Amino acid sequence: VVQLTGPDRLRMRVWERGTGITLASGSSSCA
């Protein structure tokens, strides 16, 4: 789930398959 907070700034929270909620995710950030 992603929220646009600036012209080139995104706030993201992530649920990773097979794991659950994580504090960060690199591949998710790329996606």
Full PDB file with SEQRES, HELIX, SHEET, SSBOND, CRYST1, ORIGX, SCALE, CONECT and MASTER records, all heavy atoms in Angstrom:
SEQRES   1 A   31  VAL VAL GLN LEU THR GLY PRO ASP ARG LEU ARG MET ARG          
SEQRES   2 A   31  VAL TRP GLU ARG GLY THR GLY ILE THR LEU ALA SER GLY          
SEQRES   3 A   31  SER SER SER CYS ALA                                          
HELIX    1 AA1 GLY A   26  CYS A   30  1                                   5    
SHEET    1 AA1 2 VAL A   2  GLY A   6  0                                        
SHEET    2 AA1 2 ARG A   9  MET A  12 -1                                        
SHEET    1 AA2 2 VAL A  14  GLU A  16  0                                        
SHEET    2 AA2 2 GLY A  20  THR A  22 -1                                        
CRYST1    1.000    1.000    1.000  90.00  90.00  90.00 P 1           1          
ORIGX1      1.000000  0.000000  0.000000        0.00000                         
ORIGX2      0.000000  1.000000  0.000000        0.00000                         
ORIGX3      0.000000  0.000000  1.000000        0.00000                         
SCALE1      1.000000  0.000000  0.000000        0.00000                         
SCALE2      0.000000  1.000000  0.000000        0.00000                         
SCALE3      0.000000  0.000000  1.000000        0.00000                         
ATOM      1  N   VAL A   1       0.878  -1.169   0.000  1.00  0.00           N  
ATOM      2  CA  VAL A   1       0.000   0.000   0.000  1.00  0.00           C  
ATOM      3  C   VAL A   1       0.915   1.219   0.000  1.00  0.00           C  
ATOM      4  O   VAL A   1       1.878   1.290   0.757  1.00  0.00           O  
ATOM      5  CB  VAL A   1      -0.965   0.017   1.194  1.00  0.00           C  
ATOM      6  CG1 VAL A   1      -1.998  -1.084   1.051  1.00  0.00           C  
ATOM      7  CG2 VAL A   1      -0.234  -0.115   2.523  1.00  0.00           C  
ATOM      8  N   VAL A   2       0.635   2.170  -0.898  1.00  0.00           N  
ATOM      9  CA  VAL A   2       1.553   3.268  -1.172  1.00  0.00           C  
ATOM     10  C   VAL A   2       0.804   4.594  -1.178  1.00  0.00           C  
ATOM     11  O   VAL A   2      -0.298   4.689  -1.737  1.00  0.00           O  
ATOM     12  CB  VAL A   2       2.268   3.076  -2.533  1.00  0.00           C  
ATOM     13  CG1 VAL A   2       3.347   4.129  -2.722  1.00  0.00           C  
ATOM     14  CG2 VAL A   2       2.848   1.684  -2.647  1.00  0.00           C  
ATOM     15  N   GLN A   3       1.429   5.588  -0.591  1.00  0.00           N  
ATOM     16  CA  GLN A   3       0.865   6.935  -0.532  1.00  0.00           C  
ATOM     17  C   GLN A   3       1.874   7.921  -1.118  1.00  0.00           C  
ATOM     18  O   GLN A   3       3.051   7.908  -0.748  1.00  0.00           O  
ATOM     19  CB  GLN A   3       0.573   7.285   0.931  1.00  0.00           C  
ATOM     20  CG  GLN A   3       0.051   8.668   1.194  1.00  0.00           C  
ATOM     21  CD  GLN A   3      -0.143   8.892   2.699  1.00  0.00           C  
ATOM     22  OE1 GLN A   3      -0.126   7.950   3.502  1.00  0.00           O  
ATOM     23  NE2 GLN A   3      -0.322  10.144   3.091  1.00  0.00           N  
ATOM     24  N   LEU A   4       1.423   8.737  -2.053  1.00  0.00           N  
ATOM     25  CA  LEU A   4       2.283   9.773  -2.628  1.00  0.00           C  
ATOM     26  C   LEU A   4       2.385  10.916  -1.618  1.00  0.00           C  
ATOM     27  O   LEU A   4       1.391  11.530  -1.262  1.00  0.00           O  
ATOM     28  CB  LEU A   4       1.698  10.272  -3.943  1.00  0.00           C  
ATOM     29  CG  LEU A   4       2.497  11.343  -4.694  1.00  0.00           C  
ATOM     30  CD1 LEU A   4       3.816  10.766  -5.192  1.00  0.00           C  
ATOM     31  CD2 LEU A   4       1.678  11.881  -5.866  1.00  0.00           C  
ATOM     32  N   THR A   5       3.607  11.203  -1.149  1.00  0.00           N  
ATOM     33  CA  THR A   5       3.794  12.250  -0.142  1.00  0.00           C  
ATOM     34  C   THR A   5       4.616  13.432  -0.652  1.00  0.00           C  
ATOM     35  O   THR A   5       4.820  14.395   0.076  1.00  0.00           O  
ATOM     36  CB  THR A   5       4.482  11.679   1.114  1.00  0.00           C  
ATOM     37  OG1 THR A   5       5.745  11.108   0.752  1.00  0.00           O  
ATOM     38  CG2 THR A   5       3.608  10.605   1.759  1.00  0.00           C  
ATOM     39  N   GLY A   6       5.091  13.359  -1.887  1.00  0.00           N  
ATOM     40  CA  GLY A   6       5.866  14.441  -2.493  1.00  0.00           C  
ATOM     41  C   GLY A   6       6.048  14.156  -3.961  1.00  0.00           C  
ATOM     42  O   GLY A   6       5.671  13.077  -4.449  1.00  0.00           O  
ATOM     43  N   PRO A   7       6.626  15.082  -4.712  1.00  0.00           N  
ATOM     44  CA  PRO A   7       6.773  14.895  -6.159  1.00  0.00           C  
ATOM     45  C   PRO A   7       7.491  13.599  -6.534  1.00  0.00           C  
ATOM     46  O   PRO A   7       7.132  12.953  -7.520  1.00  0.00           O  
ATOM     47  CB  PRO A   7       7.579  16.123  -6.591  1.00  0.00           C  
ATOM     48  CG  PRO A   7       7.294  17.153  -5.539  1.00  0.00           C  
ATOM     49  CD  PRO A   7       7.149  16.391  -4.256  1.00  0.00           C  
ATOM     50  N   ASP A   8       8.481  13.207  -5.753  1.00  0.00           N  
ATOM     51  CA  ASP A   8       9.213  11.968  -6.002  1.00  0.00           C  
ATOM     52  C   ASP A   8       9.483  11.262  -4.681  1.00  0.00           C  
ATOM     53  O   ASP A   8      10.593  10.784  -4.420  1.00  0.00           O  
ATOM     54  CB  ASP A   8      10.523  12.248  -6.752  1.00  0.00           C  
ATOM     55  CG  ASP A   8      10.269  12.685  -8.182  1.00  0.00           C  
ATOM     56  OD1 ASP A   8       9.775  11.860  -8.968  1.00  0.00           O  
ATOM     57  OD2 ASP A   8      10.520  13.860  -8.495  1.00  0.00           O  
ATOM     58  N   ARG A   9       8.430  11.188  -3.868  1.00  0.00           N  
ATOM     59  CA  ARG A   9       8.546  10.587  -2.539  1.00  0.00           C  
ATOM     60  C   ARG A   9       7.302   9.754  -2.257  1.00  0.00           C  
ATOM     61  O   ARG A   9       6.175  10.232  -2.388  1.00  0.00           O  
ATOM     62  CB  ARG A   9       8.711  11.684  -1.488  1.00  0.00           C  
ATOM     63  CG  ARG A   9       9.182  11.200  -0.131  1.00  0.00           C  
ATOM     64  CD  ARG A   9       9.542  12.397   0.749  1.00  0.00           C  
ATOM     65  NE  ARG A   9      10.010  11.969   2.060  1.00  0.00           N  
ATOM     66  CZ  ARG A   9      11.268  11.673   2.337  1.00  0.00           C  
ATOM     67  NH1 ARG A   9      12.189  11.739   1.382  1.00  0.00           N  
ATOM     68  NH2 ARG A   9      11.626  11.302   3.559  1.00  0.00           N  
ATOM     69  N   LEU A  10       7.531   8.499  -1.883  1.00  0.00           N  
ATOM     70  CA  LEU A  10       6.449   7.553  -1.648  1.00  0.00           C  
ATOM     71  C   LEU A  10       6.554   6.978  -0.240  1.00  0.00           C  
ATOM     72  O   LEU A  10       7.641   6.643   0.230  1.00  0.00           O  
ATOM     73  CB  LEU A  10       6.515   6.398  -2.654  1.00  0.00           C  
ATOM     74  CG  LEU A  10       6.429   6.766  -4.135  1.00  0.00           C  
ATOM     75  CD1 LEU A  10       6.760   5.549  -4.990  1.00  0.00           C  
ATOM     76  CD2 LEU A  10       5.039   7.292  -4.473  1.00  0.00           C  
ATOM     77  N   ARG A  11       5.420   6.860   0.421  1.00  0.00           N  
ATOM     78  CA  ARG A  11       5.344   6.183   1.725  1.00  0.00           C  
ATOM     79  C   ARG A  11       4.724   4.814   1.480  1.00  0.00           C  
ATOM     80  O   ARG A  11       3.624   4.707   0.916  1.00  0.00           O  
ATOM     81  CB  ARG A  11       4.494   7.003   2.693  1.00  0.00           C  
ATOM     82  CG  ARG A  11       4.194   6.305   4.030  1.00  0.00           C  
ATOM     83  CD  ARG A  11       5.436   6.253   4.921  1.00  0.00           C  
ATOM     84  NE  ARG A  11       5.082   5.713   6.230  1.00  0.00           N  
ATOM     85  CZ  ARG A  11       5.287   4.450   6.617  1.00  0.00           C  
ATOM     86  NH1 ARG A  11       5.830   3.582   5.765  1.00  0.00           N  
ATOM     87  NH2 ARG A  11       4.950   4.053   7.827  1.00  0.00           N  
ATOM     88  N   MET A  12       5.423   3.759   1.891  1.00  0.00           N  
ATOM     89  CA  MET A  12       4.971   2.407   1.583  1.00  0.00           C  
ATOM     90  C   MET A  12       4.945   1.533   2.823  1.00  0.00           C  
ATOM     91  O   MET A  12       5.825   1.608   3.676  1.00  0.00           O  
ATOM     92  CB  MET A  12       5.892   1.750   0.555  1.00  0.00           C  
ATOM     93  CG  MET A  12       5.487   0.323   0.171  1.00  0.00           C  
ATOM     94  SD  MET A  12       6.676  -0.496  -0.925  1.00  0.00           S  
ATOM     95  CE  MET A  12       7.873  -1.105   0.256  1.00  0.00           C  
ATOM     96  N   ARG A  13       3.927   0.683   2.903  1.00  0.00           N  
ATOM     97  CA  ARG A  13       3.895  -0.427   3.853  1.00  0.00           C  
ATOM     98  C   ARG A  13       3.719  -1.706   3.041  1.00  0.00           C  
ATOM     99  O   ARG A  13       3.128  -1.700   1.965  1.00  0.00           O  
ATOM    100  CB  ARG A  13       2.764  -0.264   4.865  1.00  0.00           C  
ATOM    101  CG  ARG A  13       2.910   0.967   5.739  1.00  0.00           C  
ATOM    102  CD  ARG A  13       1.757   1.086   6.718  1.00  0.00           C  
ATOM    103  NE  ARG A  13       1.752  -0.020   7.651  1.00  0.00           N  
ATOM    104  CZ  ARG A  13       0.646  -0.590   8.147  1.00  0.00           C  
ATOM    105  NH1 ARG A  13      -0.550  -0.170   7.744  1.00  0.00           N  
ATOM    106  NH2 ARG A  13       0.738  -1.584   9.011  1.00  0.00           N  
ATOM    107  N   VAL A  14       4.260  -2.814   3.578  1.00  0.00           N  
ATOM    108  CA  VAL A  14       4.339  -4.014   2.741  1.00  0.00           C  
ATOM    109  C   VAL A  14       3.982  -5.272   3.518  1.00  0.00           C  
ATOM    110  O   VAL A  14       4.327  -5.429   4.698  1.00  0.00           O  
ATOM    111  CB  VAL A  14       5.748  -4.144   2.112  1.00  0.00           C  
ATOM    112  CG1 VAL A  14       6.828  -4.207   3.176  1.00  0.00           C  
ATOM    113  CG2 VAL A  14       5.836  -5.357   1.198  1.00  0.00           C  
ATOM    114  N   TRP A  15       3.278  -6.151   2.809  1.00  0.00           N  
ATOM    115  CA  TRP A  15       3.029  -7.527   3.236  1.00  0.00           C  
ATOM    116  C   TRP A  15       3.788  -8.420   2.264  1.00  0.00           C  
ATOM    117  O   TRP A  15       3.539  -8.393   1.061  1.00  0.00           O  
ATOM    118  CB  TRP A  15       1.533  -7.847   3.188  1.00  0.00           C  
ATOM    119  CG  TRP A  15       1.212  -9.277   3.476  1.00  0.00           C  
ATOM    120  CD1 TRP A  15       1.248 -10.327   2.589  1.00  0.00           C  
ATOM    121  CD2 TRP A  15       0.813  -9.838   4.731  1.00  0.00           C  
ATOM    122  NE1 TRP A  15       0.892 -11.501   3.212  1.00  0.00           N  
ATOM    123  CE2 TRP A  15       0.619 -11.228   4.534  1.00  0.00           C  
ATOM    124  CE3 TRP A  15       0.590  -9.296   5.999  1.00  0.00           C  
ATOM    125  CZ2 TRP A  15       0.223 -12.075   5.564  1.00  0.00           C  
ATOM    126  CZ3 TRP A  15       0.192 -10.158   7.026  1.00  0.00           C  
ATOM    127  CH2 TRP A  15       0.017 -11.512   6.802  1.00  0.00           C  
ATOM    128  N   GLU A  16       4.729  -9.222   2.781  1.00  0.00           N  
ATOM    129  CA  GLU A  16       5.524 -10.089   1.918  1.00  0.00           C  
ATOM    130  C   GLU A  16       4.951 -11.505   1.927  1.00  0.00           C  
ATOM    131  O   GLU A  16       4.658 -12.064   2.986  1.00  0.00           O  
ATOM    132  CB  GLU A  16       6.979 -10.107   2.376  1.00  0.00           C  
ATOM    133  CG  GLU A  16       7.690  -8.774   2.181  1.00  0.00           C  
ATOM    134  CD  GLU A  16       9.191  -8.906   2.277  1.00  0.00           C  
ATOM    135  OE1 GLU A  16       9.788  -9.469   1.331  1.00  0.00           O  
ATOM    136  OE2 GLU A  16       9.767  -8.450   3.279  1.00  0.00           O  
ATOM    137  N   ARG A  17       4.826 -12.072   0.739  1.00  0.00           N  
ATOM    138  CA  ARG A  17       4.295 -13.429   0.629  1.00  0.00           C  
ATOM    139  C   ARG A  17       5.204 -14.392   1.387  1.00  0.00           C  
ATOM    140  O   ARG A  17       6.437 -14.299   1.341  1.00  0.00           O  
ATOM    141  CB  ARG A  17       4.168 -13.859  -0.836  1.00  0.00           C  
ATOM    142  CG  ARG A  17       5.478 -13.976  -1.558  1.00  0.00           C  
ATOM    143  CD  ARG A  17       5.341 -14.587  -2.953  1.00  0.00           C  
ATOM    144  NE  ARG A  17       6.659 -14.671  -3.566  1.00  0.00           N  
ATOM    145  CZ  ARG A  17       6.924 -15.321  -4.689  1.00  0.00           C  
ATOM    146  NH1 ARG A  17       5.955 -15.935  -5.336  1.00  0.00           N  
ATOM    147  NH2 ARG A  17       8.152 -15.348  -5.188  1.00  0.00           N  
ATOM    148  N   GLY A  18       4.596 -15.301   2.109  1.00  0.00           N  
ATOM    149  CA  GLY A  18       5.358 -16.297   2.845  1.00  0.00           C  
ATOM    150  C   GLY A  18       5.988 -15.779   4.111  1.00  0.00           C  
ATOM    151  O   GLY A  18       6.661 -16.543   4.815  1.00  0.00           O  
ATOM    152  N   THR A  19       5.798 -14.494   4.431  1.00  0.00           N  
ATOM    153  CA  THR A  19       6.422 -13.925   5.627  1.00  0.00           C  
ATOM    154  C   THR A  19       5.430 -13.096   6.437  1.00  0.00           C  
ATOM    155  O   THR A  19       5.251 -13.294   7.628  1.00  0.00           O  
ATOM    156  CB  THR A  19       7.642 -13.062   5.250  1.00  0.00           C  
ATOM    157  OG1 THR A  19       8.634 -13.900   4.648  1.00  0.00           O  
ATOM    158  CG2 THR A  19       8.244 -12.392   6.482  1.00  0.00           C  
ATOM    159  N   GLY A  20       4.780 -12.115   5.793  1.00  0.00           N  
ATOM    160  CA  GLY A  20       3.857 -11.236   6.495  1.00  0.00           C  
ATOM    161  C   GLY A  20       4.313  -9.793   6.444  1.00  0.00           C  
ATOM    162  O   GLY A  20       5.055  -9.388   5.542  1.00  0.00           O  
ATOM    163  N   ILE A  21       3.893  -8.998   7.417  1.00  0.00           N  
ATOM    164  CA  ILE A  21       4.273  -7.584   7.466  1.00  0.00           C  
ATOM    165  C   ILE A  21       5.758  -7.474   7.795  1.00  0.00           C  
ATOM    166  O   ILE A  21       6.247  -8.110   8.728  1.00  0.00           O  
ATOM    167  CB  ILE A  21       3.443  -6.832   8.524  1.00  0.00           C  
ATOM    168  CG1 ILE A  21       1.958  -6.833   8.150  1.00  0.00           C  
ATOM    169  CG2 ILE A  21       3.937  -5.396   8.674  1.00  0.00           C  
ATOM    170  CD1 ILE A  21       1.049  -6.260   9.220  1.00  0.00           C  
ATOM    171  N   THR A  22       6.478  -6.677   7.024  1.00  0.00           N  
ATOM    172  CA  THR A  22       7.893  -6.436   7.286  1.00  0.00           C  
ATOM    173  C   THR A  22       8.159  -4.937   7.350  1.00  0.00           C  
ATOM    174  O   THR A  22       7.393  -4.138   6.819  1.00  0.00           O  
ATOM    175  CB  THR A  22       8.786  -7.072   6.200  1.00  0.00           C  
ATOM    176  OG1 THR A  22       8.435  -6.540   4.916  1.00  0.00           O  
ATOM    177  CG2 THR A  22       8.612  -8.582   6.170  1.00  0.00           C  
ATOM    178  N   LEU A  23       9.260  -4.581   8.013  1.00  0.00           N  
ATOM    179  CA  LEU A  23       9.603  -3.170   8.164  1.00  0.00           C  
ATOM    180  C   LEU A  23      10.086  -2.552   6.865  1.00  0.00           C  
ATOM    181  O   LEU A  23      10.037  -1.331   6.698  1.00  0.00           O  
ATOM    182  CB  LEU A  23      10.681  -2.997   9.245  1.00  0.00           C  
ATOM    183  CG  LEU A  23      10.269  -3.339  10.668  1.00  0.00           C  
ATOM    184  CD1 LEU A  23      11.462  -3.167  11.623  1.00  0.00           C  
ATOM    185  CD2 LEU A  23       9.106  -2.477  11.121  1.00  0.00           C  
ATOM    186  N   ALA A  24      10.550  -3.379   5.951  1.00  0.00           N  
ATOM    187  CA  ALA A  24      11.041  -2.888   4.659  1.00  0.00           C  
ATOM    188  C   ALA A  24      11.091  -4.055   3.689  1.00  0.00           C  
ATOM    189  O   ALA A  24      11.095  -5.220   4.095  1.00  0.00           O  
ATOM    190  CB  ALA A  24      12.427  -2.249   4.798  1.00  0.00           C  
ATOM    191  N   SER A  25      11.149  -3.739   2.401  1.00  0.00           N  
ATOM    192  CA  SER A  25      11.316  -4.752   1.356  1.00  0.00           C  
ATOM    193  C   SER A  25      11.956  -4.080   0.157  1.00  0.00           C  
ATOM    194  O   SER A  25      11.406  -3.112  -0.374  1.00  0.00           O  
ATOM    195  CB  SER A  25       9.967  -5.363   0.967  1.00  0.00           C  
ATOM    196  OG  SER A  25      10.101  -6.152  -0.201  1.00  0.00           O  
ATOM    197  N   GLY A  26      13.100  -4.610  -0.259  1.00  0.00           N  
ATOM    198  CA  GLY A  26      13.808  -4.016  -1.380  1.00  0.00           C  
ATOM    199  C   GLY A  26      13.109  -4.236  -2.709  1.00  0.00           C  
ATOM    200  O   GLY A  26      12.917  -3.299  -3.482  1.00  0.00           O  
ATOM    201  N   SER A  27      12.723  -5.484  -2.993  1.00  0.00           N  
ATOM    202  CA  SER A  27      12.058  -5.742  -4.268  1.00  0.00           C  
ATOM    203  C   SER A  27      10.716  -5.029  -4.328  1.00  0.00           C  
ATOM    204  O   SER A  27      10.306  -4.547  -5.392  1.00  0.00           O  
ATOM    205  CB  SER A  27      11.889  -7.247  -4.497  1.00  0.00           C  
ATOM    206  OG  SER A  27      11.058  -7.824  -3.511  1.00  0.00           O  
ATOM    207  N   SER A  28      10.013  -4.926  -3.193  1.00  0.00           N  
ATOM    208  CA  SER A  28       8.746  -4.187  -3.160  1.00  0.00           C  
ATOM    209  C   SER A  28       8.974  -2.706  -3.417  1.00  0.00           C  
ATOM    210  O   SER A  28       8.166  -2.049  -4.100  1.00  0.00           O  
ATOM    211  CB  SER A  28       8.056  -4.379  -1.812  1.00  0.00           C  
ATOM    212  OG  SER A  28       7.571  -5.684  -1.654  1.00  0.00           O  
ATOM    213  N   SER A  29      10.052  -2.155  -2.887  1.00  0.00           N  
ATOM    214  CA  SER A  29      10.368  -0.748  -3.131  1.00  0.00           C  
ATOM    215  C   SER A  29      10.616  -0.498  -4.611  1.00  0.00           C  
ATOM    216  O   SER A  29      10.163   0.505  -5.180  1.00  0.00           O  
ATOM    217  CB  SER A  29      11.591  -0.329  -2.307  1.00  0.00           C  
ATOM    218  OG  SER A  29      11.333  -0.430  -0.925  1.00  0.00           O  
ATOM    219  N   CYS A  30      11.322  -1.438  -5.250  1.00  0.00           N  
ATOM    220  CA  CYS A  30      11.540  -1.323  -6.694  1.00  0.00           C  
ATOM    221  C   CYS A  30      10.219  -1.399  -7.443  1.00  0.00           C  
ATOM    222  O   CYS A  30       9.965  -0.624  -8.376  1.00  0.00           O  
ATOM    223  CB  CYS A  30      12.476  -2.429  -7.168  1.00  0.00           C  
ATOM    224  SG  CYS A  30      14.163  -2.315  -6.525  1.00  0.00           S  
ATOM    225  N   ALA A  31       9.357  -2.321  -7.031  1.00  0.00           N  
ATOM    226  CA  ALA A  31       8.075  -2.503  -7.719  1.00  0.00           C  
ATOM    227  C   ALA A  31       7.192  -1.268  -7.602  1.00  0.00           C  
ATOM    228  O   ALA A  31       6.568  -0.846  -8.582  1.00  0.00           O  
ATOM    229  CB  ALA A  31       7.355  -3.721  -7.150  1.00  0.00           C  
TER     230      ALA A  31                                                      
MASTER        0    0    0    1    4    0    0    6  229    1    0    3          
END                                                                             
